[in-house]
């Protein structure tokens, strides 16, 4: 595990510890965050921990042509069950992701420092959000980093307040990214929810190759 200083650099992801942690320390400046994502690295830590940088092996990803849409979800789209917007209320999405209770978690890893950093990335056009509404109320959302030059979208977090709303937003995002030429969605770590949508685990080496590394 490597200790970062003020130098704007990271060790190669191949040097990641078996836990998935590559380094600790540094800062959450926009420049460092962009460099991290471009190299298959992301921050994940709690308030009571140092700033931790991860590059897990295996890596959970979704290829846009492997997206699975169930019959029940197709019906929701036919019925236009929800209204979906993009990049219209990034701050509400990231703050709700931070605040919403999650099963098996005592708190959040989305600290106020992280929120402020990603708001800057949103202003720069890197961090993007999806908002899902029902009756004009925000019921689900997600955000991530769009590495357009690498055709990769790095998903960060999502929330839902009612059944199927986050899936609706996620599927809508995949369709939009597909039109923009994005081929791979980085989901970071396995969850059954993502697997049900077609995401799968690949090796870190394979993931890095998609980033041109």
Protein backbone atom coordinates (compact mmCIF):
# COMPACT_ATOMS: atom_id res chain seq x y z
CA UNK A 1 0.00 0.00 0.00
CA UNK A 2 1.44 3.35 -1.03
CA UNK A 3 1.35 6.66 0.85
CA UNK A 4 0.61 9.62 -1.42
CA UNK A 5 2.09 13.09 -0.99
CA UNK A 6 1.32 16.33 -2.81
CA UNK A 7 2.73 15.02 -6.08
CA UNK A 8 -0.01 14.55 -8.66
CA UNK A 9 0.61 10.87 -9.40
CA UNK A 10 -0.44 7.33 -8.49
CA UNK A 11 1.46 4.05 -8.44
CA UNK A 12 0.47 1.63 -11.20
CA UNK A 13 -2.75 -0.28 -10.36
CA UNK A 14 -0.81 -3.55 -10.70
CA UNK A 15 0.75 -2.64 -7.34
CA UNK A 16 -2.64 -2.79 -5.59
CA UNK A 17 -2.82 -4.78 -2.35
CA UNK A 18 -4.94 -7.94 -2.41
CA UNK A 19 -7.62 -6.05 -0.45
CA UNK A 20 -8.12 -3.78 -3.45
CA UNK A 21 -6.49 -0.74 -1.83
CA UNK A 22 -3.75 0.85 -3.90
CA UNK A 23 -2.83 3.92 -1.88
CA UNK A 24 -3.82 6.27 0.92
CA UNK A 25 -3.50 10.00 1.40
CA UNK A 26 -3.31 12.76 -1.17
CA UNK A 27 -6.36 14.94 -1.77
CA UNK A 28 -9.64 15.14 -3.65
CA UNK A 29 -8.64 17.88 -6.07
CA UNK A 30 -10.37 17.68 -9.47
CA UNK A 31 -7.01 17.05 -11.14
CA UNK A 32 -6.20 14.08 -8.89
CA UNK A 33 -9.69 12.62 -9.21
CA UNK A 34 -9.61 12.79 -13.01
CA UNK A 35 -6.14 11.20 -13.06
CA UNK A 36 -7.40 8.45 -10.77
CA UNK A 37 -10.39 7.53 -12.95
CA UNK A 38 -8.27 7.63 -16.10
CA UNK A 39 -6.05 5.00 -14.46
CA UNK A 40 -8.79 2.73 -13.14
CA UNK A 41 -8.60 4.06 -9.56
CA UNK A 42 -11.36 5.49 -7.37
CA UNK A 43 -11.65 6.92 -3.80
CA UNK A 44 -13.70 5.09 -1.17
CA UNK A 45 -13.42 5.77 2.54
CA UNK A 46 -15.37 6.80 5.63
CA UNK A 47 -15.12 9.93 7.78
CA UNK A 48 -13.05 8.07 10.36
CA UNK A 49 -10.59 6.69 7.80
CA UNK A 50 -7.75 8.22 5.78
CA UNK A 51 -8.39 8.92 2.11
CA UNK A 52 -8.20 5.47 0.45
CA UNK A 53 -7.73 4.78 -3.27
CA UNK A 54 -8.94 1.50 -4.77
CA UNK A 55 -8.39 -0.61 -7.87
CA UNK A 56 -10.08 -3.95 -7.11
CA UNK A 57 -9.53 -7.24 -8.90
CA UNK A 58 -11.89 -8.46 -10.26
CA UNK A 59 -13.77 -5.41 -11.51
CA UNK A 60 -17.54 -5.25 -11.98
CA UNK A 61 -18.43 -3.82 -15.39
CA UNK A 62 -21.31 -3.66 -17.84
CA UNK A 63 -20.85 -3.73 -21.61
CA UNK A 64 -23.72 -1.74 -23.11
CA UNK A 65 -24.68 -4.54 -25.50
CA UNK A 66 -25.07 -6.96 -22.55
CA UNK A 67 -27.68 -4.88 -20.73
CA UNK A 68 -30.58 -7.03 -19.51
CA UNK A 69 -34.04 -5.44 -19.45
CA UNK A 70 -36.76 -7.62 -17.93
CA UNK A 71 -40.29 -7.83 -19.29
CA UNK A 72 -41.61 -5.99 -16.26
CA UNK A 73 -39.12 -3.15 -16.85
CA UNK A 74 -40.04 -2.97 -20.54
CA UNK A 75 -43.66 -2.50 -19.51
CA UNK A 76 -42.67 0.40 -17.22
CA UNK A 77 -40.94 2.08 -20.16
CA UNK A 78 -43.93 1.52 -22.43
CA UNK A 79 -46.13 3.09 -19.76
CA UNK A 80 -43.60 5.91 -19.26
CA UNK A 81 -43.80 5.22 -15.53
CA UNK A 82 -41.12 7.77 -14.61
CA UNK A 83 -39.67 10.98 -15.97
CA UNK A 84 -35.90 10.92 -16.47
CA UNK A 85 -33.56 13.90 -16.81
CA UNK A 86 -29.78 14.15 -17.12
CA UNK A 87 -27.47 16.59 -15.32
CA UNK A 88 -30.34 18.78 -14.14
CA UNK A 89 -29.92 18.42 -10.36
CA UNK A 90 -26.53 16.84 -9.67
CA UNK A 91 -26.27 18.19 -6.14
CA UNK A 92 -29.62 16.73 -5.03
CA UNK A 93 -28.62 13.35 -6.46
CA UNK A 94 -25.22 13.14 -4.75
CA UNK A 95 -26.58 14.46 -1.44
CA UNK A 96 -29.45 11.96 -1.48
CA UNK A 97 -26.99 9.17 -2.27
CA UNK A 98 -25.08 10.25 0.83
CA UNK A 99 -28.11 10.56 3.11
CA UNK A 100 -30.37 7.65 2.20
CA UNK A 101 -30.20 4.69 4.64
CA UNK A 102 -28.66 1.51 3.22
CA UNK A 103 -29.05 -2.00 4.53
CA UNK A 104 -25.93 -3.20 6.34
CA UNK A 105 -24.31 0.25 6.43
CA UNK A 106 -24.08 2.47 9.50
CA UNK A 107 -23.12 5.61 7.63
CA UNK A 108 -21.96 6.95 4.28
CA UNK A 109 -18.67 7.06 2.43
CA UNK A 110 -19.84 10.16 0.55
CA UNK A 111 -18.38 12.79 2.86
CA UNK A 112 -18.99 16.53 2.56
CA UNK A 113 -15.44 16.91 1.23
CA UNK A 114 -16.23 14.39 -1.47
CA UNK A 115 -19.52 16.11 -2.33
CA UNK A 116 -17.75 19.42 -2.85
CA UNK A 117 -15.08 17.81 -5.02
CA UNK A 118 -17.61 16.08 -7.26
CA UNK A 119 -19.63 19.26 -7.57
CA UNK A 120 -16.49 20.83 -9.05
CA UNK A 121 -16.13 17.88 -11.42
CA UNK A 122 -19.75 18.34 -12.44
CA UNK A 123 -19.10 22.00 -13.24
CA UNK A 124 -16.16 20.85 -15.37
CA UNK A 125 -18.37 18.40 -17.28
CA UNK A 126 -16.82 15.19 -15.93
CA UNK A 127 -19.31 14.22 -13.20
CA UNK A 128 -22.80 13.55 -14.53
CA UNK A 129 -26.12 12.65 -12.97
CA UNK A 130 -29.40 10.97 -13.79
CA UNK A 131 -32.60 12.12 -12.07
CA UNK A 132 -35.75 10.01 -11.93
CA UNK A 133 -39.07 11.64 -11.03
CA UNK A 134 -42.55 10.43 -10.18
CA UNK A 135 -45.23 13.10 -9.90
CA UNK A 136 -42.48 15.75 -9.97
CA UNK A 137 -40.75 14.21 -6.93
CA UNK A 138 -37.15 12.95 -7.12
CA UNK A 139 -37.49 9.23 -6.39
CA UNK A 140 -34.18 7.86 -7.70
CA UNK A 141 -30.89 8.93 -9.16
CA UNK A 142 -27.29 8.06 -9.83
CA UNK A 143 -24.05 9.80 -10.71
CA UNK A 144 -20.64 8.98 -12.09
CA UNK A 145 -17.67 10.14 -14.13
CA UNK A 146 -17.82 10.18 -17.92
CA UNK A 147 -14.40 9.49 -19.46
CA UNK A 148 -15.52 10.39 -22.97
CA UNK A 149 -12.06 10.10 -24.51
CA UNK A 150 -11.87 6.48 -23.29
CA UNK A 151 -15.54 5.59 -24.01
CA UNK A 152 -15.97 4.55 -20.35
CA UNK A 153 -18.49 5.75 -17.77
CA UNK A 154 -17.48 5.20 -14.13
CA UNK A 155 -20.58 4.75 -12.00
CA UNK A 156 -20.24 5.98 -8.41
CA UNK A 157 -23.48 5.66 -6.48
CA UNK A 158 -27.24 5.40 -6.90
CA UNK A 159 -30.31 5.63 -4.71
CA UNK A 160 -33.97 4.76 -4.95
CA UNK A 161 -36.98 5.56 -2.85
CA UNK A 162 -39.46 3.33 -4.65
CA UNK A 163 -39.24 -0.03 -6.41
CA UNK A 164 -37.66 -0.14 -9.89
CA UNK A 165 -36.96 3.59 -10.08
CA UNK A 166 -33.16 3.29 -9.94
CA UNK A 167 -33.22 0.51 -12.55
CA UNK A 168 -35.33 2.77 -14.75
CA UNK A 169 -32.76 5.53 -14.44
CA UNK A 170 -29.81 3.18 -14.95
CA UNK A 171 -31.29 1.66 -18.11
CA UNK A 172 -32.09 5.14 -19.43
CA UNK A 173 -28.47 6.17 -18.83
CA UNK A 174 -27.10 3.11 -20.63
CA UNK A 175 -29.23 3.86 -23.68
CA UNK A 176 -28.04 7.48 -23.70
CA UNK A 177 -24.38 6.50 -23.28
CA UNK A 178 -24.71 3.97 -26.07
CA UNK A 179 -25.81 6.74 -28.42
CA UNK A 180 -22.77 8.76 -27.34
CA UNK A 181 -20.38 5.91 -28.11
CA UNK A 182 -19.64 4.81 -24.55
CA UNK A 183 -18.98 1.08 -24.61
CA UNK A 184 -18.23 0.18 -21.00
CA UNK A 185 -19.77 1.13 -17.65
CA UNK A 186 -17.50 0.66 -14.65
CA UNK A 187 -19.62 -0.61 -11.74
CA UNK A 188 -16.56 -1.11 -9.50
CA UNK A 189 -17.68 -3.87 -7.12
CA UNK A 190 -20.12 -6.77 -7.45
CA UNK A 191 -23.73 -6.38 -6.33
CA UNK A 192 -26.63 -8.68 -7.16
CA UNK A 193 -28.61 -5.63 -8.31
CA UNK A 194 -26.04 -4.81 -11.00
CA UNK A 195 -25.62 -8.46 -11.96
CA UNK A 196 -29.37 -8.68 -12.63
CA UNK A 197 -28.91 -5.89 -15.19
CA UNK A 198 -26.15 -7.73 -17.05
CA UNK A 199 -23.02 -6.53 -15.28
CA UNK A 200 -20.22 -9.03 -14.73
CA UNK A 201 -16.76 -9.29 -13.21
CA UNK A 202 -13.64 -9.08 -15.35
CA UNK A 203 -9.98 -9.02 -14.34
CA UNK A 204 -8.28 -5.77 -13.42
CA UNK A 205 -5.92 -6.35 -16.34
CA UNK A 206 -8.82 -6.60 -18.78
CA UNK A 207 -10.45 -3.49 -17.31
CA UNK A 208 -7.24 -1.47 -17.58
CA UNK A 209 -6.90 -2.51 -21.20
CA UNK A 210 -10.25 -0.84 -21.90
CA UNK A 211 -8.72 2.34 -20.48
CA UNK A 212 -5.77 1.98 -22.84
CA UNK A 213 -3.34 1.10 -20.02
